[in-house]
C-alpha atoms as a PDB file:
ATOM      1  CA  MET A   1       7.867   3.730  15.187  1.00  0.00           C
ATOM      2  CA  LYS A   2       6.559   1.205  17.686  1.00  0.00           C
ATOM      3  CA  LEU A   3       2.892   2.079  18.034  1.00  0.00           C
ATOM      4  CA  ARG A   4       1.547  -1.422  18.483  1.00  0.00           C
ATOM      5  CA  ASN A   5       2.476  -5.034  18.987  1.00  0.00           C
ATOM      6  CA  ILE A   6       3.256  -6.480  15.566  1.00  0.00           C
ATOM      7  CA  LEU A   7       3.693 -10.198  15.042  1.00  0.00           C
ATOM      8  CA  LEU A   8       5.627 -11.210  11.941  1.00  0.00           C
ATOM      9  CA  ILE A   9       4.347 -14.374  10.302  1.00  0.00           C
ATOM     10  CA  VAL A  10       6.557 -15.928   7.644  1.00  0.00           C
ATOM     11  CA  LEU A  11       4.951 -18.038   4.940  1.00  0.00           C
ATOM     12  CA  VAL A  12       7.383 -20.052   2.853  1.00  0.00           C
ATOM     13  CA  ILE A  13       5.829 -20.993  -0.482  1.00  0.00           C
ATOM     14  CA  LEU A  14       7.591 -23.758  -2.378  1.00  0.00           C
ATOM     15  CA  VAL A  15       7.608 -23.239  -6.108  1.00  0.00           C
ATOM     16  CA  PHE A  16       7.879 -26.647  -7.692  1.00  0.00           C
ATOM     17  CA  ILE A  17      10.875 -26.153  -9.935  1.00  0.00           C
ATOM     18  CA  ALA A  18      13.954 -28.249  -9.429  1.00  0.00           C
ATOM     19  CA  ALA A  19      17.227 -26.588  -8.574  1.00  0.00           C
ATOM     20  CA  PHE A  20      18.127 -27.358 -12.178  1.00  0.00           C
ATOM     21  CA  ALA A  21      15.562 -29.418 -14.062  1.00  0.00           C
ATOM     22  CA  THR A  22      15.642 -31.260 -17.362  1.00  0.00           C
ATOM     23  CA  PHE A  23      12.505 -32.437 -19.140  1.00  0.00           C
ATOM     24  CA  PHE A  24      11.144 -33.243 -22.588  1.00  0.00           C
ATOM     25  CA  ASN A  25       9.135 -30.673 -24.527  1.00  0.00           C
ATOM     26  CA  GLY A  26       6.451 -31.518 -27.077  1.00  0.00           C
ATOM     27  CA  SER A  27       9.029 -32.360 -29.742  1.00  0.00           C
ATOM     28  CA  ASN A  28      10.820 -34.802 -27.413  1.00  0.00           C
ATOM     29  CA  SER A  29      13.820 -32.481 -27.174  1.00  0.00           C
ATOM     30  CA  LEU A  30      15.605 -32.062 -23.872  1.00  0.00           C
ATOM     31  CA  VAL A  31      14.994 -28.651 -22.295  1.00  0.00           C
ATOM     32  CA  ASN A  32      16.965 -27.259 -19.364  1.00  0.00           C
ATOM     33  CA  VAL A  33      15.062 -25.042 -16.920  1.00  0.00           C
ATOM     34  CA  GLU A  34      17.297 -22.792 -14.881  1.00  0.00           C
ATOM     35  CA  PRO A  35      16.001 -22.017 -11.395  1.00  0.00           C
ATOM     36  CA  LYS A  36      14.398 -18.663 -10.734  1.00  0.00           C
ATOM     37  CA  GLU A  37      15.658 -16.599  -7.849  1.00  0.00           C
ATOM     38  CA  ASP A  38      13.757 -16.474  -4.571  1.00  0.00           C
ATOM     39  CA  VAL A  39      11.326 -13.591  -4.007  1.00  0.00           C
ATOM     40  CA  SER A  40      10.370 -12.081  -0.639  1.00  0.00           C
ATOM     41  CA  ILE A  41       7.189 -10.059  -0.071  1.00  0.00           C
ATOM     42  CA  ALA A  42       6.057  -8.198   3.069  1.00  0.00           C
ATOM     43  CA  VAL A  43       2.409  -7.276   3.650  1.00  0.00           C
ATOM     44  CA  THR A  44       1.207  -4.860   6.340  1.00  0.00           C
ATOM     45  CA  GLY A  45      -2.199  -4.047   7.726  1.00  0.00           C
ATOM     46  CA  ASP A  46      -3.933  -0.677   7.453  1.00  0.00           C
ATOM     47  CA  VAL A  47      -1.771   2.435   6.999  1.00  0.00           C
ATOM     48  CA  MET A  48      -3.408   5.780   7.789  1.00  0.00           C
ATOM     49  CA  PHE A  49      -1.913   9.275   8.156  1.00  0.00           C
ATOM     50  CA  ALA A  50      -5.153  11.111   9.007  1.00  0.00           C
ATOM     51  CA  ARG A  51      -6.897  12.295  12.159  1.00  0.00           C
ATOM     52  CA  ASN A  52      -4.510  11.998  15.150  1.00  0.00           C
ATOM     53  CA  MET A  53      -1.554  10.552  13.263  1.00  0.00           C
ATOM     54  CA  PRO A  54       0.251  13.846  12.485  1.00  0.00           C
ATOM     55  CA  GLY A  55       0.840  14.279  16.220  1.00  0.00           C
ATOM     56  CA  VAL A  56       2.327  10.803  16.431  1.00  0.00           C
ATOM     57  CA  LEU A  57       4.443  11.407  13.341  1.00  0.00           C
ATOM     58  CA  SER A  58       5.852  14.570  14.909  1.00  0.00           C
ATOM     59  CA  LEU A  59       7.532  12.286  17.472  1.00  0.00           C
ATOM     60  CA  ASP A  60       8.869   9.806  14.928  1.00  0.00           C
ATOM     61  CA  SER A  61       8.493  10.563  11.240  1.00  0.00           C
ATOM     62  CA  SER A  62       9.232   6.994  10.133  1.00  0.00           C
ATOM     63  CA  PRO A  63       6.133   4.776  10.377  1.00  0.00           C
ATOM     64  CA  PHE A  64       8.223   1.686   9.591  1.00  0.00           C
ATOM     65  CA  SER A  65      11.173   2.285  11.933  1.00  0.00           C
ATOM     66  CA  GLY A  66      10.236  -0.624  14.204  1.00  0.00           C
ATOM     67  CA  VAL A  67      10.182  -3.077  11.307  1.00  0.00           C
ATOM     68  CA  SER A  68      12.642  -1.445   8.922  1.00  0.00           C
ATOM     69  CA  ASP A  69      14.806  -4.568   8.849  1.00  0.00           C
ATOM     70  CA  VAL A  70      11.836  -6.456   7.393  1.00  0.00           C
ATOM     71  CA  VAL A  71      10.254  -3.971   4.996  1.00  0.00           C
ATOM     72  CA  SER A  72      13.479  -2.592   3.537  1.00  0.00           C
ATOM     73  CA  ASN A  73      15.030  -5.983   2.845  1.00  0.00           C
ATOM     74  CA  VAL A  74      12.206  -7.673   0.952  1.00  0.00           C
ATOM     75  CA  ASP A  75      11.694  -7.500  -2.796  1.00  0.00           C
ATOM     76  CA  LEU A  76       8.132  -6.150  -2.585  1.00  0.00           C
ATOM     77  CA  LEU A  77       6.080  -4.331   0.065  1.00  0.00           C
ATOM     78  CA  LEU A  78       2.269  -4.322   0.003  1.00  0.00           C
ATOM     79  CA  ILE A  79       0.278  -1.892   2.194  1.00  0.00           C
ATOM     80  CA  ASN A  80      -3.405  -1.015   2.536  1.00  0.00           C
ATOM     81  CA  PHE A  81      -3.588   2.793   2.244  1.00  0.00           C
ATOM     82  CA  GLU A  82      -6.652   3.632   4.335  1.00  0.00           C
ATOM     83  CA  ASN A  83      -7.345   7.333   3.747  1.00  0.00           C
ATOM     84  CA  ALA A  84      -7.666   9.898   1.019  1.00  0.00           C
ATOM     85  CA  ALA A  85      -4.647  12.136   0.441  1.00  0.00           C
ATOM     86  CA  THR A  86      -5.982  15.499  -0.674  1.00  0.00           C
ATOM     87  CA  SER A  87      -6.065  19.171   0.256  1.00  0.00           C
ATOM     88  CA  SER A  88      -9.492  19.963  -1.109  1.00  0.00           C
ATOM     89  CA  GLY A  89     -13.096  18.885  -1.081  1.00  0.00           C
ATOM     90  CA  ASP A  90     -15.833  18.101   1.396  1.00  0.00           C
ATOM     91  CA  ALA A  91     -16.447  14.661   2.823  1.00  0.00           C
ATOM     92  CA  LEU A  92     -19.065  12.626   0.964  1.00  0.00           C
ATOM     93  CA  LYS A  93     -20.278  10.843   4.077  1.00  0.00           C
ATOM     94  CA  GLY A  94     -20.417  11.979   7.662  1.00  0.00           C
ATOM     95  CA  ASP A  95     -19.158   8.923   9.557  1.00  0.00           C
ATOM     96  CA  VAL A  96     -15.409   8.937  10.066  1.00  0.00           C
ATOM     97  CA  PRO A  97     -14.132  10.469   6.822  1.00  0.00           C
ATOM     98  CA  LEU A  98     -10.361  10.175   6.637  1.00  0.00           C
ATOM     99  CA  LYS A  99      -7.928  12.345   4.715  1.00  0.00           C
ATOM    100  CA  CYS A 100      -4.312  13.290   5.245  1.00  0.00           C
ATOM    101  CA  ASP A 101      -2.139  16.118   4.053  1.00  0.00           C
ATOM    102  CA  PRO A 102      -0.434  14.944   0.842  1.00  0.00           C
ATOM    103  CA  SER A 103       2.956  15.803   2.330  1.00  0.00           C
ATOM    104  CA  TYR A 104       2.737  12.628   4.435  1.00  0.00           C
ATOM    105  CA  VAL A 105       2.325  10.284   1.469  1.00  0.00           C
ATOM    106  CA  PRO A 106       6.073   9.713   0.797  1.00  0.00           C
ATOM    107  CA  LEU A 107       6.350   8.211   4.295  1.00  0.00           C
ATOM    108  CA  ALA A 108       4.423   5.201   2.993  1.00  0.00           C
ATOM    109  CA  LYS A 109       7.296   4.240   0.707  1.00  0.00           C
ATOM    110  CA  ALA A 110       9.460   2.049   2.917  1.00  0.00           C
ATOM    111  CA  ASN A 111      10.667  -0.074   0.021  1.00  0.00           C
ATOM    112  CA  ASN A 112      11.650   0.859  -3.530  1.00  0.00           C
ATOM    113  CA  ASN A 113       9.016  -1.619  -4.723  1.00  0.00           C
ATOM    114  CA  THR A 114       5.864  -0.601  -2.804  1.00  0.00           C
ATOM    115  CA  ILE A 115       2.252  -1.256  -3.825  1.00  0.00           C
ATOM    116  CA  ALA A 116      -0.676   0.483  -2.096  1.00  0.00           C
ATOM    117  CA  THR A 117      -4.114  -1.150  -2.224  1.00  0.00           C
ATOM    118  CA  LEU A 118      -6.942   1.376  -2.498  1.00  0.00           C
ATOM    119  CA  ALA A 119     -10.151  -0.672  -2.714  1.00  0.00           C
ATOM    120  CA  ASN A 120     -11.469   0.401   0.670  1.00  0.00           C
ATOM    121  CA  ASN A 121     -14.203   2.519   2.221  1.00  0.00           C
ATOM    122  CA  HIS A 122     -12.029   5.623   2.652  1.00  0.00           C
ATOM    123  CA  VAL A 123     -10.284   6.199  -0.690  1.00  0.00           C
ATOM    124  CA  CYS A 124     -13.343   8.120  -1.958  1.00  0.00           C
ATOM    125  CA  ASP A 125     -14.212   9.857   1.321  1.00  0.00           C
ATOM    126  CA  TYR A 126     -13.505  13.196  -0.379  1.00  0.00           C
ATOM    127  CA  GLY A 127     -15.038  12.375  -3.713  1.00  0.00           C
ATOM    128  CA  ILE A 128     -13.607  11.302  -7.023  1.00  0.00           C
ATOM    129  CA  ASP A 129     -11.329  14.338  -7.041  1.00  0.00           C
ATOM    130  CA  GLY A 130      -9.962  13.187  -3.694  1.00  0.00           C
ATOM    131  CA  MET A 131      -9.448   9.695  -5.121  1.00  0.00           C
ATOM    132  CA  HIS A 132      -7.594  11.160  -8.101  1.00  0.00           C
ATOM    133  CA  ASP A 133      -5.406  13.198  -5.741  1.00  0.00           C
ATOM    134  CA  THR A 134      -4.651  10.094  -3.682  1.00  0.00           C
ATOM    135  CA  ILE A 135      -3.558   8.097  -6.719  1.00  0.00           C
ATOM    136  CA  LYS A 136      -1.493  11.023  -8.015  1.00  0.00           C
ATOM    137  CA  TYR A 137       0.358  11.655  -4.750  1.00  0.00           C
ATOM    138  CA  LEU A 138       1.084   7.968  -4.245  1.00  0.00           C
ATOM    139  CA  ASN A 139       2.348   7.618  -7.814  1.00  0.00           C
ATOM    140  CA  ASP A 140       4.424  10.798  -7.468  1.00  0.00           C
ATOM    141  CA  ALA A 141       6.045   9.220  -4.399  1.00  0.00           C
ATOM    142  CA  GLY A 142       6.988   6.172  -6.452  1.00  0.00           C
ATOM    143  CA  ILE A 143       4.239   3.965  -5.021  1.00  0.00           C
ATOM    144  CA  THR A 144       2.212   1.770  -7.372  1.00  0.00           C
ATOM    145  CA  THR A 145      -1.553   1.749  -6.777  1.00  0.00           C
ATOM    146  CA  VAL A 146      -4.218  -0.888  -7.362  1.00  0.00           C
ATOM    147  CA  GLY A 147      -7.940  -1.072  -6.611  1.00  0.00           C
ATOM    148  CA  ALA A 148      -9.319   2.305  -7.775  1.00  0.00           C
ATOM    149  CA  GLY A 149      -9.562   4.135 -11.077  1.00  0.00           C
ATOM    150  CA  ASP A 150     -11.422   6.195 -13.644  1.00  0.00           C
ATOM    151  CA  ASN A 151     -13.680   3.349 -14.786  1.00  0.00           C
ATOM    152  CA  GLU A 152     -14.422  -0.282 -14.030  1.00  0.00           C
ATOM    153  CA  ASN A 153     -11.617  -1.676 -16.187  1.00  0.00           C
ATOM    154  CA  ASP A 154      -9.102   0.755 -14.737  1.00  0.00           C
ATOM    155  CA  ALA A 155     -10.122   0.104 -11.123  1.00  0.00           C
ATOM    156  CA  HIS A 156     -10.149  -3.680 -11.513  1.00  0.00           C
ATOM    157  CA  LYS A 157      -6.867  -3.815 -13.411  1.00  0.00           C
ATOM    158  CA  ALA A 158      -4.277  -6.061 -11.796  1.00  0.00           C
ATOM    159  CA  VAL A 159      -0.760  -4.881 -11.027  1.00  0.00           C
ATOM    160  CA  SER A 160       2.057  -7.168 -12.136  1.00  0.00           C
ATOM    161  CA  LYS A 161       5.706  -6.888 -11.143  1.00  0.00           C
ATOM    162  CA  ASP A 162       8.605  -8.837 -12.619  1.00  0.00           C
ATOM    163  CA  ILE A 163      10.945  -9.571  -9.722  1.00  0.00           C
ATOM    164  CA  ASN A 164      13.985 -11.840  -9.861  1.00  0.00           C
ATOM    165  CA  GLY A 165      12.629 -13.617 -12.908  1.00  0.00           C
ATOM    166  CA  ARG A 166       9.189 -14.194 -11.407  1.00  0.00           C
ATOM    167  CA  ASN A 167       5.952 -12.409 -12.254  1.00  0.00           C
ATOM    168  CA  ILE A 168       3.985 -11.343  -9.166  1.00  0.00           C
ATOM    169  CA  THR A 169       0.369 -10.186  -9.598  1.00  0.00           C
ATOM    170  CA  VAL A 170      -1.748  -8.213  -7.108  1.00  0.00           C
ATOM    171  CA  LEU A 171      -5.544  -7.964  -7.361  1.00  0.00           C
ATOM    172  CA  ASN A 172      -7.533  -5.715  -5.025  1.00  0.00           C
ATOM    173  CA  TYR A 173     -11.272  -5.577  -4.308  1.00  0.00           C
ATOM    174  CA  MET A 174     -13.725  -4.404  -1.666  1.00  0.00           C
ATOM    175  CA  ASP A 175     -16.818  -6.386  -0.712  1.00  0.00           C
ATOM    176  CA  SER A 176     -19.537  -3.807  -1.423  1.00  0.00           C
ATOM    177  CA  ASN A 177     -22.120  -5.865   0.477  1.00  0.00           C
ATOM    178  CA  ASN A 178     -20.486  -4.551   3.652  1.00  0.00           C
ATOM    179  CA  PHE A 179     -21.608  -1.043   2.706  1.00  0.00           C
ATOM    180  CA  ALA A 180     -24.956  -1.657   1.031  1.00  0.00           C
ATOM    181  CA  GLU A 181     -26.550   1.212   2.970  1.00  0.00           C
ATOM    182  CA  TYR A 182     -24.477   3.771   1.059  1.00  0.00           C
ATOM    183  CA  SER A 183     -25.461   5.233  -2.288  1.00  0.00           C
ATOM    184  CA  TYR A 184     -22.971   5.477  -5.139  1.00  0.00           C
ATOM    185  CA  GLU A 185     -22.691   9.198  -4.408  1.00  0.00           C
ATOM    186  CA  ALA A 186     -21.575   8.464  -0.828  1.00  0.00           C
ATOM    187  CA  LEU A 187     -19.271   5.533  -1.605  1.00  0.00           C
ATOM    188  CA  PRO A 188     -18.488   5.405  -5.336  1.00  0.00           C
ATOM    189  CA  TYR A 189     -17.575   2.056  -6.835  1.00  0.00           C
ATOM    190  CA  ALA A 190     -16.243   1.793 -10.375  1.00  0.00           C
ATOM    191  CA  ASN A 191     -19.009   0.578 -12.682  1.00  0.00           C
ATOM    192  CA  GLY A 192     -18.809   0.706 -16.463  1.00  0.00           C
ATOM    193  CA  SER A 193     -17.470   4.153 -17.283  1.00  0.00           C
ATOM    194  CA  SER A 194     -18.027   5.462 -13.734  1.00  0.00           C
ATOM    195  CA  PRO A 195     -14.950   5.982 -11.536  1.00  0.00           C
ATOM    196  CA  GLY A 196     -14.389   4.690  -8.029  1.00  0.00           C
ATOM    197  CA  TYR A 197     -13.007   1.765  -6.070  1.00  0.00           C
ATOM    198  CA  SER A 198     -12.873  -1.835  -7.282  1.00  0.00           C
ATOM    199  CA  ALA A 199     -15.927  -3.773  -6.052  1.00  0.00           C
ATOM    200  CA  TYR A 200     -15.620  -7.539  -5.732  1.00  0.00           C
ATOM    201  CA  ASP A 201     -17.410  -9.602  -8.361  1.00  0.00           C
ATOM    202  CA  SER A 202     -16.756 -13.337  -8.472  1.00  0.00           C
ATOM    203  CA  ALA A 203     -16.911 -13.701 -12.262  1.00  0.00           C
ATOM    204  CA  ASP A 204     -14.690 -10.664 -12.819  1.00  0.00           C
ATOM    205  CA  ALA A 205     -12.141 -11.883 -10.281  1.00  0.00           C
ATOM    206  CA  GLN A 206     -12.087 -15.302 -11.933  1.00  0.00           C
ATOM    207  CA  LYS A 207     -11.358 -13.660 -15.297  1.00  0.00           C
ATOM    208  CA  GLN A 208      -8.658 -11.437 -13.801  1.00  0.00           C
ATOM    209  CA  ILE A 209      -6.933 -14.438 -12.237  1.00  0.00           C
ATOM    210  CA  SER A 210      -7.222 -16.475 -15.433  1.00  0.00           C
ATOM    211  CA  ASP A 211      -5.834 -13.595 -17.502  1.00  0.00           C
ATOM    212  CA  ALA A 212      -2.940 -13.097 -15.092  1.00  0.00           C
ATOM    213  CA  ARG A 213      -2.054 -16.769 -15.183  1.00  0.00           C
ATOM    214  CA  GLY A 214      -2.340 -16.778 -18.966  1.00  0.00           C
ATOM    215  CA  ASN A 215       0.077 -13.858 -19.090  1.00  0.00           C
ATOM    216  CA  GLY A 216       2.655 -15.844 -17.160  1.00  0.00           C
ATOM    217  CA  SER A 217       2.013 -14.848 -13.560  1.00  0.00           C
ATOM    218  CA  ASP A 218       3.915 -17.082 -11.137  1.00  0.00           C
ATOM    219  CA  PHE A 219       2.188 -15.908  -7.946  1.00  0.00           C
ATOM    220  CA  ILE A 220      -1.178 -14.158  -7.520  1.00  0.00           C
ATOM    221  CA  ILE A 221      -2.048 -12.169  -4.400  1.00  0.00           C
ATOM    222  CA  ALA A 222      -5.729 -11.303  -3.890  1.00  0.00           C
ATOM    223  CA  SER A 223      -6.191  -8.412  -1.450  1.00  0.00           C
ATOM    224  CA  LEU A 224      -9.712  -7.980  -0.059  1.00  0.00           C
ATOM    225  CA  HIS A 225     -11.379  -5.299   2.035  1.00  0.00           C
ATOM    226  CA  PHE A 226     -14.112  -7.264   3.801  1.00  0.00           C
ATOM    227  CA  GLY A 227     -15.514  -8.489   7.105  1.00  0.00           C
ATOM    228  CA  ASN A 228     -16.906  -6.861  10.240  1.00  0.00           C
ATOM    229  CA  GLU A 229     -15.015  -4.162  12.092  1.00  0.00           C
ATOM    230  CA  TYR A 230     -13.515  -5.264  15.434  1.00  0.00           C
ATOM    231  CA  SER A 231     -14.590  -8.878  14.966  1.00  0.00           C
ATOM    232  CA  MET A 232     -11.802 -11.312  15.814  1.00  0.00           C
ATOM    233  CA  SER A 233     -13.224 -14.012  13.532  1.00  0.00           C
ATOM    234  CA  PRO A 234     -14.082 -13.987   9.813  1.00  0.00           C
ATOM    235  CA  ASN A 235     -17.739 -14.083   8.871  1.00  0.00           C
ATOM    236  CA  GLN A 236     -19.381 -16.409   6.352  1.00  0.00           C
ATOM    237  CA  ASP A 237     -19.131 -13.877   3.512  1.00  0.00           C
ATOM    238  CA  GLN A 238     -15.381 -13.544   4.066  1.00  0.00           C
ATOM    239  CA  GLU A 239     -14.933 -17.298   4.000  1.00  0.00           C
ATOM    240  CA  LYS A 240     -17.061 -17.633   0.863  1.00  0.00           C
ATOM    241  CA  ILE A 241     -15.158 -14.933  -1.041  1.00  0.00           C
ATOM    242  CA  ALA A 242     -11.733 -16.131   0.086  1.00  0.00           C
ATOM    243  CA  HIS A 243     -12.517 -19.725  -0.878  1.00  0.00           C
ATOM    244  CA  GLU A 244     -13.821 -18.568  -4.274  1.00  0.00           C
ATOM    245  CA  LEU A 245     -10.586 -16.734  -4.941  1.00  0.00           C
ATOM    246  CA  ILE A 246      -8.447 -19.748  -4.079  1.00  0.00           C
ATOM    247  CA  ASP A 247     -10.747 -22.021  -6.107  1.00  0.00           C
ATOM    248  CA  ASN A 248     -10.325 -19.646  -9.047  1.00  0.00           C
ATOM    249  CA  GLY A 249      -6.544 -19.762  -8.875  1.00  0.00           C
ATOM    250  CA  ALA A 250      -5.274 -17.149  -6.401  1.00  0.00           C
ATOM    251  CA  ASP A 251      -2.211 -18.255  -4.428  1.00  0.00           C
ATOM    252  CA  ILE A 252      -2.905 -16.263  -1.261  1.00  0.00           C
ATOM    253  CA  VAL A 253      -5.720 -14.041   0.071  1.00  0.00           C
ATOM    254  CA  ILE A 254      -4.893 -11.071   2.314  1.00  0.00           C
ATOM    255  CA  GLY A 255      -7.713  -9.269   4.141  1.00  0.00           C
ATOM    256  CA  ALA A 256      -8.266  -5.826   5.638  1.00  0.00           C
ATOM    257  CA  HIS A 257     -11.070  -3.744   7.237  1.00  0.00           C
ATOM    258  CA  PRO A 258     -11.777  -5.355  10.645  1.00  0.00           C
ATOM    259  CA  HIS A 259      -8.932  -3.310  12.268  1.00  0.00           C
ATOM    260  CA  VAL A 260      -8.111  -6.338  14.414  1.00  0.00           C
ATOM    261  CA  PRO A 261      -6.208  -9.511  13.549  1.00  0.00           C
ATOM    262  CA  GLN A 262      -8.207 -12.505  12.400  1.00  0.00           C
ATOM    263  CA  GLY A 263      -7.022 -16.045  11.863  1.00  0.00           C
ATOM    264  CA  ILE A 264      -5.076 -17.701   9.077  1.00  0.00           C
ATOM    265  CA  GLU A 265      -6.723 -20.584   7.250  1.00  0.00           C
ATOM    266  CA  MET A 266      -4.949 -23.056   4.993  1.00  0.00           C
ATOM    267  CA  TYR A 267      -7.477 -23.838   2.267  1.00  0.00           C
ATOM    268  CA  LYS A 268      -6.501 -26.381  -0.382  1.00  0.00           C
ATOM    269  CA  GLY A 269      -2.913 -25.850   0.652  1.00  0.00           C
ATOM    270  CA  LYS A 270      -3.010 -22.069   0.211  1.00  0.00           C
ATOM    271  CA  PRO A 271      -3.056 -19.424   2.965  1.00  0.00           C
ATOM    272  CA  ILE A 272      -5.918 -17.051   3.699  1.00  0.00           C
ATOM    273  CA  CYS A 273      -5.034 -14.211   6.101  1.00  0.00           C
ATOM    274  CA  TYR A 274      -8.483 -12.854   6.867  1.00  0.00           C
ATOM    275  CA  SER A 275      -7.314  -9.623   8.509  1.00  0.00           C
ATOM    276  CA  LEU A 276      -3.875  -8.318   9.418  1.00  0.00           C
ATOM    277  CA  GLY A 277      -5.378  -5.586  11.593  1.00  0.00           C
ATOM    278  CA  ASN A 278      -3.876  -2.114  11.739  1.00  0.00           C
ATOM    279  CA  PHE A 279      -0.274  -1.286  10.990  1.00  0.00           C
ATOM    280  CA  MET A 280      -0.412   2.468  11.506  1.00  0.00           C
ATOM    281  CA  PHE A 281      -3.692   3.764  12.892  1.00  0.00           C
ATOM    282  CA  ASP A 282      -4.885   5.857  15.829  1.00  0.00           C
ATOM    283  CA  LEU A 283      -7.256   3.276  17.325  1.00  0.00           C
ATOM    284  CA  GLY A 284      -6.040   2.553  20.846  1.00  0.00           C
ATOM    285  CA  THR A 285      -8.014  -0.375  22.235  1.00  0.00           C
ATOM    286  CA  GLU A 286      -6.098  -3.517  23.165  1.00  0.00           C
ATOM    287  CA  SER A 287      -7.518  -5.574  20.311  1.00  0.00           C
ATOM    288  CA  THR A 288      -6.586  -2.946  17.705  1.00  0.00           C
ATOM    289  CA  LEU A 289      -2.994  -2.767  18.954  1.00  0.00           C
ATOM    290  CA  ASN A 290      -2.207  -6.453  18.424  1.00  0.00           C
ATOM    291  CA  ASP A 291      -1.620  -6.942  14.740  1.00  0.00           C
ATOM    292  CA  TYR A 292       0.528  -8.950  12.390  1.00  0.00           C
ATOM    293  CA  MET A 293       2.583  -8.588   9.250  1.00  0.00           C
ATOM    294  CA  VAL A 294       3.046 -11.337   6.718  1.00  0.00           C
ATOM    295  CA  ARG A 295       6.292 -12.130   4.959  1.00  0.00           C
ATOM    296  CA  ILE A 296       5.968 -14.415   1.939  1.00  0.00           C
ATOM    297  CA  ASP A 297       9.075 -16.196   0.695  1.00  0.00           C
ATOM    298  CA  LEU A 298       8.807 -17.816  -2.726  1.00  0.00           C
ATOM    299  CA  VAL A 299      11.533 -20.429  -2.946  1.00  0.00           C
ATOM    300  CA  ASN A 300      12.402 -23.173  -5.403  1.00  0.00           C
ATOM    301  CA  ASP A 301      11.566 -26.684  -4.327  1.00  0.00           C
ATOM    302  CA  THR A 302      14.353 -29.230  -4.701  1.00  0.00           C
ATOM    303  CA  GLY A 303      12.093 -31.964  -6.035  1.00  0.00           C
ATOM    304  CA  VAL A 304      12.145 -33.225  -9.602  1.00  0.00           C
ATOM    305  CA  LEU A 305       9.965 -31.579 -12.220  1.00  0.00           C
ATOM    306  CA  THR A 306       8.150 -34.234 -14.266  1.00  0.00           C
END
C-alpha cells in the first residue's frame, strides 16, 4: 500500500568482534570467540487502523505492500501502534480518540518477529479495558507488545529477543510532560500498582538499560513518544531525553508523536532518530506524507578484539 512517500534509511552498526577472535581470559588461557551472525531490524513510524483507514484498507488490505521486500526480510520489525483495538467502551478524552476494530490487528504483523510499542497517547483512549483489549489482540496475532501494562513494573518492562545469537532489547516510554494538562483518569500512566502506559523517568530508564546490559543485551533500542506534533525539528526536551538515554547506555533512540519526520543526530557515535513520522495514518498534508523507515544492520567488525 503506497499511501505516502517513505524514505528508507539504513544504519549499519559495527559490532566490535573480530571475524574470529582469540584473546586471553582472566586465567591467561586462550579463548576463541566465534562471530555472531548479522541481525537486521526495520523500524516504522506510526501505524493506525482507526478513523478513515478502513476505507483505505478496503482498497488494499496489506499496509506493508509497498515495503514488503524490506519488512519481510529483516530479522525484527518494530512498529508504533497508535490506536486502541477494542469493540467496547467510551472514549476517556474528547480530542481525537482513536480505536480500530480488532479484526484489523493481524494486518500489523508483517514479519514473524514483530514488536508493537504502546507507550503513546492513544493506547488508553478507551480506558484500561481498551488497553487490555489492545494488548490481547496484538498478542493473539503473534505480535509482542512493550510500553503498557497492569502496573508500573509491567508497563516499564523491557522486551528482549534472542536473534542469530544476539540479544536485542527494546524499551518504550512516553514523555508525560507533553500531556501535563490531562488527569490520570483521562490519560492513565502506570504508577505503582496502577495500570497504564509507560511514562519516561530518567532514573528508571537508566536502571532498565543497566539491567538489560547486565543480562547480556548486545543492542538496546529506546523508543520514545515525545516532541511537538507537526514540528519538523526536535525540541529541547526531546534532545535532553534522547541524550540521557544514550549517556545511560542505549545504542539508538527512535522517536514518535510529531507525525512528521524530524532529523537524525549522531550523538557520541550513536544515532537518534527524533521522529519517523507516520507510516500508516489518515493525515493528508504534505508534511505528514513524507516519512522514513529505518533499517538497522548489526554486523561484525573485522578489527582485532583486544
